[in-house]
Amino acid sequence: MAKTIYILAIASTLAACSQPTANGAANQAAANSAQPRKKVGHCFFKDAEMKGWSAARGKDGNITVKGKVYRSDSRYKVVFGEPVVSAATAEISPTLQQNSAAYGAPDDWWDVSSTIAGSAAVDTVNVTCGPKTVAALKVPPKR
């Protein structure tokens, strides 16, 4: 009798292992469709420390964004991070980088500029700092 119970227990365990779960396909679809959220960067600057934003389209159709950002500590320089282009909108953020040069910016105002590659279809550039939009720049299409 004990031998029969033992054999039935092993058989039911093996049968349970080979059975697909009812929601296995739904779990797999959810895992495939889940996309990681964009991590919002830290804003190192106050609103009064950022000014003069402009965006212009070059002859190649790509957009160049320019502005000025204040940083009193010349051990760091202000640069733009990697832009994110999605459909007709691009997003770019100023950030800090270690200053490897032997000089700082005049009056501690750094001129920042970046050309956004692949931005021929973009008509709006959002300059962001952390979770907030500092400037929404409209750019006319290339003719």
Protein backbone atom coordinates (compact mmCIF):
# COMPACT_ATOMS: atom_id res chain seq x y z
CA MET A 1 0.00 0.00 0.00
CA ALA A 2 2.77 2.40 0.91
CA LYS A 3 4.48 1.61 -2.36
CA THR A 4 1.30 2.51 -4.30
CA ILE A 5 0.93 5.84 -2.49
CA TYR A 6 4.59 6.62 -3.17
CA ILE A 7 4.19 5.88 -6.91
CA LEU A 8 1.00 8.01 -7.10
CA ALA A 9 2.75 10.91 -5.35
CA ILE A 10 5.66 10.80 -7.81
CA ALA A 11 3.28 10.55 -10.78
CA SER A 12 1.20 13.52 -9.64
CA THR A 13 4.34 15.60 -9.03
CA LEU A 14 5.62 14.86 -12.52
CA ALA A 15 2.22 15.60 -14.03
CA ALA A 16 2.07 18.96 -12.23
CA CYS A 17 5.53 19.90 -13.51
CA SER A 18 4.60 19.33 -17.12
CA GLN A 19 1.27 21.21 -16.99
CA PRO A 20 1.43 24.75 -18.40
CA THR A 21 -0.10 27.35 -16.15
CA ALA A 22 -3.33 28.92 -17.30
CA ASN A 23 -1.93 32.44 -17.16
CA GLY A 24 1.56 31.61 -18.45
CA ALA A 25 0.86 33.19 -21.84
CA ALA A 26 -0.55 36.32 -20.21
CA ASN A 27 2.49 36.60 -17.94
CA GLN A 28 4.84 36.25 -20.91
CA ALA A 29 2.94 38.89 -22.90
CA ALA A 30 3.09 41.28 -19.95
CA ALA A 31 6.83 40.70 -19.54
CA ASN A 32 7.43 41.33 -23.23
CA SER A 33 5.39 44.53 -23.30
CA ALA A 34 6.82 46.00 -20.10
CA GLN A 35 9.29 48.71 -20.97
CA PRO A 36 11.61 50.29 -18.46
CA ARG A 37 10.66 53.79 -17.41
CA LYS A 38 13.04 56.57 -18.22
CA LYS A 39 14.85 57.50 -15.05
CA VAL A 40 14.38 61.18 -14.32
CA GLY A 41 17.76 62.78 -13.79
CA HIS A 42 18.69 65.11 -10.97
CA CYS A 43 18.53 68.85 -11.63
CA PHE A 44 21.72 70.52 -10.45
CA PHE A 45 20.53 74.04 -11.33
CA LYS A 46 18.00 76.59 -10.14
CA ASP A 47 15.67 78.31 -12.62
CA ALA A 48 17.67 81.56 -12.36
CA GLU A 49 20.85 79.66 -13.32
CA MET A 50 19.57 78.71 -16.80
CA LYS A 51 18.81 81.19 -19.58
CA GLY A 52 18.98 82.06 -23.26
CA TRP A 53 17.55 78.86 -24.74
CA SER A 54 17.31 78.71 -28.51
CA ALA A 55 16.93 76.02 -31.14
CA ALA A 56 17.66 76.26 -34.86
CA ARG A 57 17.60 73.77 -37.69
CA GLY A 58 20.81 73.36 -39.68
CA LYS A 59 21.23 72.73 -43.40
CA ASP A 60 21.29 68.98 -42.75
CA GLY A 61 17.88 69.18 -41.01
CA ASN A 62 19.21 68.46 -37.53
CA ILE A 63 18.44 70.83 -34.66
CA THR A 64 21.08 72.64 -32.61
CA VAL A 65 20.07 73.72 -29.09
CA LYS A 66 21.96 76.48 -27.27
CA GLY A 67 21.76 78.15 -23.89
CA LYS A 68 23.69 79.40 -20.86
CA VAL A 69 23.94 77.70 -17.47
CA TYR A 70 25.56 79.02 -14.31
CA ARG A 71 27.98 76.92 -12.25
CA SER A 72 30.19 78.66 -9.69
CA ASP A 73 32.39 75.62 -9.00
CA SER A 74 34.84 75.50 -11.92
CA ARG A 75 35.84 71.92 -11.09
CA TYR A 76 32.71 71.04 -13.06
CA LYS A 77 31.53 72.17 -16.46
CA VAL A 78 28.02 72.20 -17.80
CA VAL A 79 27.23 70.04 -20.83
CA PHE A 80 24.10 68.60 -22.42
CA GLY A 81 23.27 64.97 -21.73
CA GLU A 82 22.16 62.55 -24.43
CA PRO A 83 19.03 63.76 -26.23
CA VAL A 84 15.92 61.60 -26.48
CA VAL A 85 13.98 61.83 -29.76
CA SER A 86 10.45 60.44 -29.98
CA ALA A 87 8.17 61.21 -32.93
CA ALA A 88 8.01 65.00 -33.35
CA THR A 89 9.53 65.88 -29.97
CA ALA A 90 13.09 65.86 -28.65
CA GLU A 91 14.19 66.24 -25.05
CA ILE A 92 17.61 67.35 -23.81
CA SER A 93 18.92 68.22 -20.34
CA PRO A 94 21.92 70.11 -19.02
CA THR A 95 24.13 68.17 -16.63
CA LEU A 96 27.53 68.39 -14.96
CA GLN A 97 30.79 66.86 -16.05
CA GLN A 98 34.21 67.04 -14.47
CA ASN A 99 36.16 69.96 -15.93
CA SER A 100 39.44 68.59 -17.28
CA ALA A 101 40.54 71.99 -18.60
CA ALA A 102 42.58 74.49 -16.62
CA TYR A 103 39.93 77.20 -16.96
CA GLY A 104 36.32 77.87 -16.08
CA ALA A 105 33.59 79.77 -17.88
CA PRO A 106 33.59 83.58 -18.01
CA ASP A 107 31.63 84.84 -14.98
CA ASP A 108 30.78 81.16 -14.31
CA TRP A 109 28.16 81.09 -17.14
CA TRP A 110 28.79 78.08 -19.37
CA ASP A 111 27.72 78.20 -23.00
CA VAL A 112 26.09 74.86 -23.77
CA SER A 113 25.31 73.66 -27.25
CA SER A 114 24.35 70.35 -28.78
CA THR A 115 23.20 69.13 -32.18
CA ILE A 116 20.47 66.51 -31.97
CA ALA A 117 21.18 63.83 -34.56
CA GLY A 118 18.16 62.37 -36.37
CA SER A 119 15.94 65.34 -35.56
CA ALA A 120 14.75 66.16 -39.08
CA ALA A 121 11.14 65.26 -38.18
CA VAL A 122 11.21 67.07 -34.82
CA ASP A 123 9.22 70.30 -34.41
CA THR A 124 9.49 70.78 -30.61
CA VAL A 125 12.55 70.59 -28.38
CA ASN A 126 11.99 70.42 -24.62
CA VAL A 127 14.89 71.49 -22.45
CA THR A 128 14.38 69.71 -19.14
CA CYS A 129 16.06 69.76 -15.78
CA GLY A 130 15.03 66.90 -13.54
CA PRO A 131 11.26 66.38 -13.79
CA LYS A 132 10.45 69.91 -15.01
CA THR A 133 10.52 71.44 -18.48
CA VAL A 134 12.65 74.59 -18.51
CA ALA A 135 11.92 75.59 -22.12
CA ALA A 136 9.70 74.30 -24.93
CA LEU A 137 11.26 75.45 -28.18
CA LYS A 138 9.32 75.29 -31.44
CA VAL A 139 11.41 74.71 -34.57
CA PRO A 140 10.01 75.30 -38.05
CA PRO A 141 10.31 72.38 -40.47
CA LYS A 142 13.08 72.28 -43.06
CA ARG A 143 11.96 73.59 -46.43
